[in-house]
Amino acid sequence: MIKLTKSLQTWGSDLFNEALKQEILQLNTDLLPLQQGLRCSSYASDKDLKVIILNAVDGTDCIHAKTGVFYTGIVSGCHCADDPSPNNEQPEYCEILFEINKTTAETAIRLLSE
């Protein structure tokens, strides 16, 4: 289970958004639903990952933080000898909800559908 301890510790202060961004950027990108959030490409890359905090709401048991994640997707060719198309990078964006338990800092991550 992912724990966003620093985000929980800074909840309610001006430091929360920056702490949450930093903790998200330190996560292994395999833990984020980037592949499922693809719109224009076929493979999610962890290159150029950027996070913005859209809003954060204090729930009964959890902090609900809605984030926008900008990243790079790759449209890859078949890599056949006669395929001249190189790997093409495409900008991608998805929204991810982080639900941080206010007691344990354990965090559930969910892709938000448009």
Protein backbone atom coordinates (compact mmCIF):
# COMPACT_ATOMS: atom_id res chain seq x y z
CA MET A 1 0.00 0.00 0.00
CA ILE A 2 1.21 3.48 -0.84
CA LYS A 3 1.57 5.92 2.05
CA LEU A 4 1.71 9.66 1.44
CA THR A 5 2.86 10.59 4.93
CA LYS A 6 4.26 14.04 4.19
CA SER A 7 1.04 15.03 2.41
CA LEU A 8 -1.00 13.98 5.44
CA GLN A 9 1.33 15.86 7.79
CA THR A 10 0.99 19.07 5.78
CA TRP A 11 -2.78 18.83 5.24
CA GLY A 12 -4.48 22.12 6.05
CA SER A 13 -1.35 24.19 5.48
CA ASP A 14 0.07 26.07 2.50
CA LEU A 15 2.65 23.29 2.13
CA PHE A 16 0.14 20.56 1.22
CA ASN A 17 0.04 21.02 -2.58
CA GLU A 18 3.81 21.03 -2.92
CA ALA A 19 4.23 18.06 -0.56
CA LEU A 20 1.63 16.05 -2.49
CA LYS A 21 3.25 16.88 -5.84
CA GLN A 22 6.68 15.85 -4.58
CA GLU A 23 5.43 12.57 -3.12
CA ILE A 24 3.59 11.70 -6.33
CA LEU A 25 6.69 12.44 -8.42
CA GLN A 26 8.75 10.16 -6.14
CA LEU A 27 6.39 7.21 -6.66
CA ASN A 28 7.27 4.44 -9.07
CA THR A 29 5.23 5.40 -12.14
CA ASP A 30 4.05 1.79 -12.44
CA LEU A 31 1.86 2.55 -9.42
CA LEU A 32 0.02 5.28 -11.32
CA PRO A 33 -2.72 4.46 -13.87
CA LEU A 34 -0.89 6.23 -16.71
CA GLN A 35 -1.29 3.39 -19.20
CA GLN A 36 -5.05 3.33 -18.62
CA GLY A 37 -5.22 7.10 -19.07
CA LEU A 38 -3.75 7.14 -22.57
CA ARG A 39 -5.78 8.96 -25.23
CA CYS A 40 -3.39 9.54 -28.16
CA SER A 41 -0.71 6.88 -27.92
CA SER A 42 -0.15 3.24 -27.11
CA TYR A 43 2.49 3.16 -24.37
CA ALA A 44 2.90 5.38 -21.29
CA SER A 45 6.34 6.75 -20.58
CA ASP A 46 7.50 8.23 -17.28
CA LYS A 47 9.37 10.92 -19.21
CA ASP A 48 8.48 14.54 -18.41
CA LEU A 49 5.95 13.71 -15.68
CA LYS A 50 4.27 16.83 -14.25
CA VAL A 51 1.56 17.00 -11.59
CA ILE A 52 -0.91 19.76 -10.78
CA ILE A 53 -3.30 19.74 -7.84
CA LEU A 54 -6.80 20.52 -9.12
CA ASN A 55 -8.49 20.42 -5.72
CA ALA A 56 -8.34 18.74 -2.34
CA VAL A 57 -11.32 18.08 -0.10
CA ASP A 58 -11.45 17.02 3.54
CA GLY A 59 -13.66 13.93 3.79
CA THR A 60 -14.72 12.05 6.89
CA ASP A 61 -11.93 9.46 6.78
CA CYS A 62 -9.84 10.58 3.80
CA ILE A 63 -8.40 13.56 2.04
CA HIS A 64 -9.61 13.45 -1.56
CA ALA A 65 -7.02 15.09 -3.82
CA LYS A 66 -7.87 15.42 -7.51
CA THR A 67 -4.75 15.83 -9.64
CA GLY A 68 -3.95 16.44 -13.28
CA VAL A 69 -0.99 14.50 -14.61
CA PHE A 70 0.87 15.48 -17.76
CA TYR A 71 3.16 12.83 -19.23
CA THR A 72 4.49 11.42 -22.48
CA GLY A 73 2.96 8.60 -24.47
CA ILE A 74 4.63 6.73 -27.29
CA VAL A 75 3.09 5.69 -30.58
CA SER A 76 5.37 2.90 -31.68
CA GLY A 77 5.74 1.29 -35.07
CA CYS A 78 5.96 -2.44 -35.56
CA HIS A 79 9.77 -2.25 -35.76
CA CYS A 80 9.78 -4.35 -38.92
CA ALA A 81 12.63 -3.95 -41.38
CA ASP A 82 10.34 -2.18 -43.84
CA ASP A 83 8.60 0.05 -41.23
CA PRO A 84 10.14 3.51 -41.58
CA SER A 85 8.11 5.04 -38.75
CA PRO A 86 10.13 5.92 -35.67
CA ASN A 87 8.69 5.94 -32.17
CA ASN A 88 6.58 9.08 -31.88
CA GLU A 89 6.11 10.82 -28.56
CA GLN A 90 2.74 12.40 -27.80
CA PRO A 91 1.74 14.60 -24.88
CA GLU A 92 -0.81 12.89 -22.63
CA TYR A 93 -2.99 14.06 -19.76
CA CYS A 94 -5.18 12.27 -17.25
CA GLU A 95 -6.84 13.04 -13.94
CA ILE A 96 -6.11 10.88 -10.94
CA LEU A 97 -7.79 10.87 -7.54
CA PHE A 98 -5.64 10.21 -4.48
CA GLU A 99 -7.58 9.22 -1.36
CA ILE A 100 -5.29 9.64 1.64
CA ASN A 101 -6.46 7.99 4.86
CA LYS A 102 -6.33 10.63 7.60
CA THR A 103 -5.18 8.13 10.23
CA THR A 104 -2.66 5.91 8.44
CA ALA A 105 -1.67 7.93 5.32
CA GLU A 106 -2.43 4.83 3.24
CA THR A 107 -3.48 6.05 -0.18
CA ALA A 108 -5.79 4.65 -2.81
CA ILE A 109 -5.19 5.80 -6.38
CA ARG A 110 -7.93 5.90 -9.00
CA LEU A 111 -8.07 7.11 -12.59
CA LEU A 112 -10.96 9.51 -13.13
CA SER A 113 -12.85 8.96 -16.36
CA GLU A 114 -13.84 11.91 -18.47
